[in-house]
Protein backbone atom coordinates (compact mmCIF):
# COMPACT_ATOMS: atom_id res chain seq x y z
CA MET A 1 66.94 138.24 174.64
CA LEU A 2 66.72 139.38 178.25
CA GLY A 3 67.73 135.77 178.94
CA TYR A 4 70.27 135.27 177.15
CA PHE A 5 72.29 138.95 177.90
CA ALA A 6 71.79 137.38 181.67
CA ARG A 7 73.19 134.23 180.86
CA ARG A 8 76.02 136.33 178.74
CA LEU A 9 76.45 137.96 181.54
CA GLY A 10 77.20 134.99 184.57
CA TYR A 11 79.96 133.29 182.01
CA PHE A 12 81.42 137.02 182.03
CA ALA A 13 81.53 136.38 185.93
CA VAL A 14 83.15 133.44 186.14
CA LEU A 15 86.00 134.04 183.34
CA MET A 16 86.74 137.30 185.22
CA VAL A 17 87.84 135.53 188.40
CA VAL A 18 89.39 132.62 186.33
CA ALA A 19 91.31 135.36 184.90
CA ALA A 20 92.31 136.71 187.93
CA PHE A 21 93.57 133.54 189.88
CA LEU A 22 95.74 133.24 186.78
CA SER A 23 97.28 136.29 186.81
CA TYR A 24 97.72 136.44 189.99
CA LEU A 25 99.35 133.01 190.15
CA LEU A 26 101.71 133.54 186.70
CA ALA A 27 102.42 136.74 187.90
CA ALA A 28 103.52 135.85 191.56
CA THR A 29 105.55 132.82 190.81
CA ALA A 30 107.32 134.21 187.39
CA LEU A 31 108.23 138.01 188.96
CA SER A 32 111.06 137.92 191.75
CA PRO A 33 109.75 141.55 193.55
CA ARG A 34 112.55 140.77 196.51
CA ALA A 35 115.39 141.02 193.71
CA TYR A 36 113.92 145.14 192.78
CA PHE A 37 114.51 146.18 196.66
CA GLN A 38 118.28 143.52 196.68
CA ALA A 39 118.98 145.43 193.15
CA ARG A 40 119.19 148.56 195.27
CA GLN A 41 122.62 150.62 196.14
CA PRO A 42 123.03 150.13 198.59
CA PRO A 43 120.86 146.88 199.14
CA PRO A 44 118.76 147.01 201.94
CA PRO A 45 118.91 144.98 205.06
CA ALA A 46 116.98 141.62 204.68
CA ALA A 47 114.52 142.49 207.34
CA GLN A 48 113.38 145.56 205.55
CA VAL A 49 113.05 143.37 202.57
CA GLU A 50 110.96 141.29 204.30
CA ALA A 51 109.27 143.50 206.35
CA GLN A 52 108.43 145.80 202.59
CA LEU A 53 107.21 142.87 200.80
CA ALA A 54 104.65 142.25 203.63
CA VAL A 55 102.99 145.21 203.55
CA LEU A 56 103.01 144.11 199.29
CA GLY A 57 100.94 141.41 200.05
CA LEU A 58 103.90 139.51 199.01
CA ASP A 59 105.19 137.36 201.72
CA PRO A 60 106.76 134.62 200.32
CA GLU A 61 106.08 131.96 202.86
CA GLN A 62 102.81 132.02 202.39
CA PRO A 63 101.31 130.39 199.86
CA VAL A 64 100.16 131.85 196.64
CA VAL A 65 96.71 130.32 196.92
CA VAL A 66 96.37 132.52 200.03
CA ARG A 67 98.01 135.55 198.85
CA PHE A 68 95.21 135.65 196.35
CA GLY A 69 92.64 135.18 198.86
CA HIS A 70 93.88 137.95 200.61
CA TRP A 71 94.48 139.83 197.55
CA ALA A 72 90.60 139.10 196.13
CA VAL A 73 89.21 140.12 198.97
CA ALA A 74 90.56 143.45 198.94
CA ALA A 75 89.68 143.79 195.47
CA VAL A 76 86.35 143.00 195.34
CA HIS A 77 86.29 146.35 197.79
CA GLY A 78 88.16 148.08 194.88
CA ASP A 79 92.17 147.96 196.64
CA LEU A 80 94.46 146.68 193.98
CA GLY A 81 96.97 147.06 196.37
CA LEU A 82 100.63 148.91 196.44
CA SER A 83 102.69 149.18 193.66
CA ILE A 84 106.25 148.29 194.38
CA LYS A 85 107.34 151.55 194.28
CA GLY A 86 104.55 152.25 197.81
CA GLY A 87 102.13 154.41 195.63
CA SER A 88 98.55 153.17 195.09
CA VAL A 89 98.12 151.02 192.23
CA ASN A 90 93.88 152.30 191.69
CA ASP A 91 95.50 155.94 191.26
CA GLU A 92 97.77 154.56 188.72
CA PHE A 93 95.29 152.77 186.99
CA GLY A 94 92.75 155.65 187.00
CA ARG A 95 95.42 158.26 185.70
CA ARG A 96 95.84 155.37 182.60
CA VAL A 97 92.85 153.71 181.83
CA GLY A 98 91.19 156.71 180.12
CA VAL A 99 94.56 156.68 178.11
CA SER A 100 94.59 153.63 176.68
CA LEU A 101 90.86 153.28 176.54
CA ARG A 102 90.46 155.97 174.39
CA LEU A 103 93.11 154.88 172.19
CA LEU A 104 91.59 151.41 171.55
CA VAL A 105 87.91 152.67 170.82
CA VAL A 106 88.84 155.31 168.57
CA GLY A 107 91.32 152.41 166.54
CA THR A 108 89.11 149.44 166.89
CA LEU A 109 86.15 150.85 165.83
CA LEU A 110 87.89 153.35 163.03
CA GLY A 111 89.46 149.90 161.64
CA THR A 112 86.15 147.86 161.99
CA VAL A 113 84.30 149.81 160.31
CA LEU A 114 86.67 150.53 157.49
CA GLY A 115 87.21 147.28 157.32
CA VAL A 116 84.09 145.80 156.84
CA ALA A 117 83.16 148.47 154.40
CA VAL A 118 86.02 147.85 152.42
CA GLY A 119 85.49 143.67 152.48
CA VAL A 120 81.99 144.27 151.46
CA TRP A 121 83.64 146.80 148.76
CA GLY A 122 85.92 144.44 147.41
CA ALA A 123 83.55 141.31 147.10
CA VAL A 124 80.88 142.94 144.98
CA ARG A 125 83.73 144.22 142.59
CA GLN A 126 85.73 141.22 142.81
CA TYR A 127 89.09 140.94 140.48
CA ARG A 128 88.40 144.29 139.80
CA LEU A 129 91.46 146.93 139.38
CA SER A 130 89.94 148.32 142.70
CA ASP A 131 89.13 145.07 144.19
CA ARG A 132 93.18 143.87 143.62
CA VAL A 133 94.83 147.38 145.15
CA THR A 134 92.86 147.04 148.38
CA THR A 135 93.71 142.95 148.67
CA LEU A 136 97.70 144.05 148.04
CA VAL A 137 97.40 147.04 150.27
CA ALA A 138 95.74 144.79 153.41
CA PHE A 139 98.36 142.08 152.52
CA VAL A 140 100.99 144.20 152.57
CA LEU A 141 99.23 145.77 156.14
CA LEU A 142 99.25 142.91 157.29
CA SER A 143 102.61 141.29 156.69
CA THR A 144 103.77 144.45 158.47
CA PRO A 145 103.88 144.06 162.54
CA THR A 146 102.11 146.96 164.73
CA PHE A 147 105.61 148.44 166.28
CA LEU A 148 107.20 148.37 162.15
CA LEU A 149 103.65 150.34 161.14
CA ALA A 150 104.03 152.78 163.89
CA LEU A 151 107.62 153.11 163.67
CA LEU A 152 107.29 153.89 160.13
CA LEU A 153 104.46 156.35 160.56
CA LYS A 154 106.35 158.29 163.03
CA ILE A 155 109.06 158.61 159.95
CA GLY A 156 106.75 159.63 157.71
CA ALA A 157 105.18 161.70 159.92
CA LEU A 158 109.20 163.34 160.36
CA ALA A 159 109.55 163.48 156.42
CA LEU A 160 106.64 165.93 156.06
CA ASN A 161 107.22 167.85 159.61
CA GLN A 162 110.82 168.39 157.95
CA ALA A 163 109.25 169.19 154.05
CA THR A 164 107.19 171.67 154.88
CA GLY A 165 109.05 173.39 157.62
CA ARG A 166 105.97 172.99 160.35
CA GLN A 167 105.03 171.01 163.02
CA LEU A 168 102.19 169.91 161.20
CA ILE A 169 101.86 166.11 162.63
CA SER A 170 102.80 166.25 166.79
CA PHE A 171 103.60 162.37 167.46
CA THR A 172 105.07 162.27 170.83
CA GLY A 173 102.37 162.38 173.86
CA GLU A 174 98.30 162.81 174.52
CA GLY A 175 99.17 166.67 173.67
CA THR A 176 101.66 169.05 173.87
CA PRO A 177 102.94 170.03 177.10
CA GLY A 178 101.63 173.60 178.77
CA LEU A 179 99.35 174.30 176.16
CA GLN A 180 97.50 177.11 176.65
CA GLY A 181 94.05 177.89 174.50
CA SER A 182 90.49 177.58 173.88
CA PHE A 183 88.77 174.97 174.50
CA ALA A 184 88.59 173.97 170.71
CA ALA A 185 92.34 174.78 170.27
CA ILE A 186 92.87 171.56 172.62
CA VAL A 187 90.42 169.11 171.30
CA ALA A 188 92.78 170.05 168.28
CA ASP A 189 95.72 169.59 169.80
CA ARG A 190 94.61 166.52 171.30
CA GLY A 191 93.10 164.76 168.19
CA ILE A 192 96.48 165.48 165.75
CA HIS A 193 98.30 163.77 168.82
CA LEU A 194 96.05 160.87 168.47
CA LEU A 195 96.58 160.11 164.48
CA LEU A 196 99.63 158.47 164.05
CA PRO A 197 98.36 156.52 167.23
CA THR A 198 95.43 155.44 166.01
CA LEU A 199 96.29 155.00 162.10
CA SER A 200 98.52 152.40 163.69
CA ILE A 201 96.17 150.49 165.44
CA GLY A 202 93.21 151.17 163.47
CA LEU A 203 95.05 150.42 159.66
CA ALA A 204 95.74 146.80 161.05
CA THR A 205 92.64 146.27 162.33
CA LEU A 206 91.34 147.61 158.56
CA ALA A 207 93.30 145.07 156.94
CA THR A 208 92.25 142.34 158.74
CA TYR A 209 89.00 143.04 158.98
CA SER A 210 88.57 143.36 155.37
CA ARG A 211 89.45 140.46 154.09
CA TYR A 212 87.66 138.52 156.23
CA GLN A 213 84.50 140.76 155.51
CA ARG A 214 85.39 140.07 151.78
CA SER A 215 85.47 136.24 151.99
CA ALA A 216 82.44 136.16 153.98
CA MET A 217 80.21 138.61 151.72
CA LEU A 218 81.22 136.49 148.82
CA ASP A 219 79.63 133.17 150.24
CA VAL A 220 76.64 135.22 150.78
CA LEU A 221 76.43 136.80 147.43
CA GLY A 222 76.12 133.43 145.67
CA SER A 223 72.96 132.23 147.58
CA ASP A 224 70.08 131.30 146.44
CA TYR A 225 68.08 134.27 148.63
CA LEU A 226 69.48 137.11 147.66
CA ARG A 227 69.00 135.98 143.46
CA THR A 228 65.47 135.42 145.15
CA ALA A 229 65.51 138.80 146.60
CA ALA A 230 66.86 140.17 143.40
CA ALA A 231 64.12 138.64 141.05
CA LYS A 232 61.10 139.96 143.15
CA GLY A 233 62.49 143.44 142.16
CA LEU A 234 64.51 144.76 145.51
CA SER A 235 66.86 147.32 144.37
CA ARG A 236 70.74 145.97 143.84
CA ARG A 237 71.94 148.19 147.21
CA THR A 238 68.79 146.61 149.21
CA VAL A 239 69.35 142.95 148.42
CA LEU A 240 73.60 143.79 149.31
CA VAL A 241 72.96 145.71 152.46
CA LYS A 242 69.35 144.59 153.80
CA HIS A 243 69.94 140.66 153.22
CA GLY A 244 73.52 139.80 152.31
CA LEU A 245 75.56 141.89 154.59
CA ARG A 246 73.20 141.11 157.66
CA THR A 247 74.03 137.89 157.01
CA ALA A 248 77.83 138.53 156.15
CA LEU A 249 78.30 139.97 159.54
CA ILE A 250 77.18 137.25 161.60
CA PRO A 251 80.92 135.28 161.46
CA MET A 252 82.67 138.63 161.54
CA SER A 253 80.67 139.40 164.78
CA THR A 254 82.50 136.06 166.65
CA PHE A 255 85.36 137.33 165.09
CA PHE A 256 85.43 140.71 166.53
CA ALA A 257 85.73 138.81 170.22
CA PHE A 258 89.43 137.29 169.12
CA GLY A 259 90.27 139.96 166.69
CA PHE A 260 90.86 142.73 169.91
CA LEU A 261 93.26 140.68 171.60
CA GLY A 262 95.46 141.63 168.70
CA VAL A 263 94.84 145.26 169.38
CA LEU A 264 95.14 145.41 172.65
CA THR A 265 99.08 143.42 172.37
CA GLY A 266 99.61 145.96 169.53
CA ALA A 267 98.23 148.86 171.07
CA THR A 268 100.90 148.11 174.07
CA PHE A 269 103.68 148.81 171.40
CA THR A 270 101.92 151.95 170.20
CA GLU A 271 101.68 153.07 173.39
CA LYS A 272 105.79 152.71 174.10
CA ILE A 273 106.66 153.91 170.92
CA PHE A 274 104.61 157.38 170.80
CA GLY A 275 104.56 157.81 174.40
CA TRP A 276 101.57 157.57 175.57
CA HIS A 277 101.38 156.87 179.26
CA GLY A 278 98.87 154.13 179.09
CA MET A 279 98.71 150.68 180.45
CA GLY A 280 100.38 149.08 177.70
CA GLU A 281 103.39 151.07 179.01
CA TRP A 282 102.31 150.40 182.52
CA PHE A 283 102.59 147.12 181.55
CA ILE A 284 105.76 146.60 180.06
CA ASP A 285 107.68 148.68 183.11
CA SER A 286 105.76 146.76 185.82
CA ILE A 287 107.55 143.47 184.67
CA ASN A 288 110.50 145.49 184.31
CA ASN A 289 110.08 146.45 187.96
CA ASN A 290 108.93 142.64 189.60
CA ASP A 291 105.91 145.22 190.38
CA VAL A 292 102.55 141.66 190.60
CA ASN A 293 99.78 143.67 191.47
CA ALA A 294 100.41 145.92 188.73
CA VAL A 295 101.26 143.52 186.33
CA VAL A 296 97.47 141.45 187.83
CA ALA A 297 95.74 145.06 187.62
CA VAL A 298 96.79 145.72 183.45
CA ASN A 299 95.98 142.11 183.44
CA LEU A 300 92.69 142.63 184.91
CA PHE A 301 92.23 145.25 182.66
CA ALA A 302 92.86 143.01 179.51
CA ALA A 303 90.68 140.62 180.31
CA GLY A 304 87.94 142.99 181.24
CA THR A 305 88.07 144.18 177.60
CA VAL A 306 88.63 141.38 175.80
CA LEU A 307 85.59 139.71 177.92
CA LEU A 308 83.87 142.82 176.97
CA ALA A 309 84.61 142.73 173.72
CA GLY A 310 83.62 139.10 173.64
CA LEU A 311 80.23 139.79 175.29
CA LEU A 312 79.27 142.57 172.54
CA ALA A 313 79.88 140.40 169.61
CA ASP A 314 77.75 137.59 171.11
CA LEU A 315 74.66 140.03 171.45
CA LEU A 316 75.47 141.38 167.90
CA HIS A 317 75.64 137.48 166.96
CA ALA A 318 71.88 137.69 168.67
CA ALA A 319 70.55 140.70 167.24
CA LEU A 320 71.54 139.45 163.68
CA ASP A 321 70.77 135.55 164.14
CA PRO A 322 67.16 135.08 165.77
CA ARG A 323 67.97 131.44 166.08
CA VAL A 324 70.73 132.97 169.14
CA ARG A 325 68.87 134.79 171.19
CA HIS A 326 65.32 131.83 170.89
CA GLY A 327 67.89 129.29 172.03
């Protein structure tokens, strides 16, 4: 298992280098930092613009590969450069990464666990009323874009608050500005603000995983080894959970790595709609500002999280299937 893990880490490192180079190449060629400075009123002198681009490490006279080399050397030492507004990319990255991770981790875990549970339940109760209801709800959620789902949740919360005459659900920002009180009160306030953004991510994830898990579980339920286990006198719960679910989770572990990319994309719209100042909002603002270094930093975060999800999926796959870790 340790050898398998070491090989996965090696692949992870190589893919991170490739992702960093492609991110820098695309950002440096598609964005125009010069346009950001020339759009100021009054426009700064050309010499001042050239000097500022050189400070940012974006001198257009240098080839992109050379600029990437300078950036990569600094990045290895923990310096992601300067933003186009003159601030440190590292500082902005540190402020925003925790916001996005909190939203992504909670939403992904909630959607994955509930999605697997609903999928297994639907497979065991195939074609019954509960299965048909969960299928209908899942397809409605799957056909609803993440940004639309977030807006509908927002409208629903507003209607609920107006109907009760109280601010039951707060949904703008990470917490109430200037809130004073005990630690428990602050945590409760953060939890209320986290509710709708988490649901907008978790519901879409739940719908996707429930359909895949239902299909995988149905394939397992008709297998000979489950009938053999039942014939030996094992309880139905043991047969389904210990023998059936473990096998049905193997293809789901592979799907987890690819599904996380969709979650990450949906989180970008969720942050913008609910006013969360995370990596997704930073990414959109950085593109609008033609901020190359900031865009590359966000892309590195996205690549790192997706590759980490793939690494966790590989380890889960190896834990579920001994044939993988023993080669």
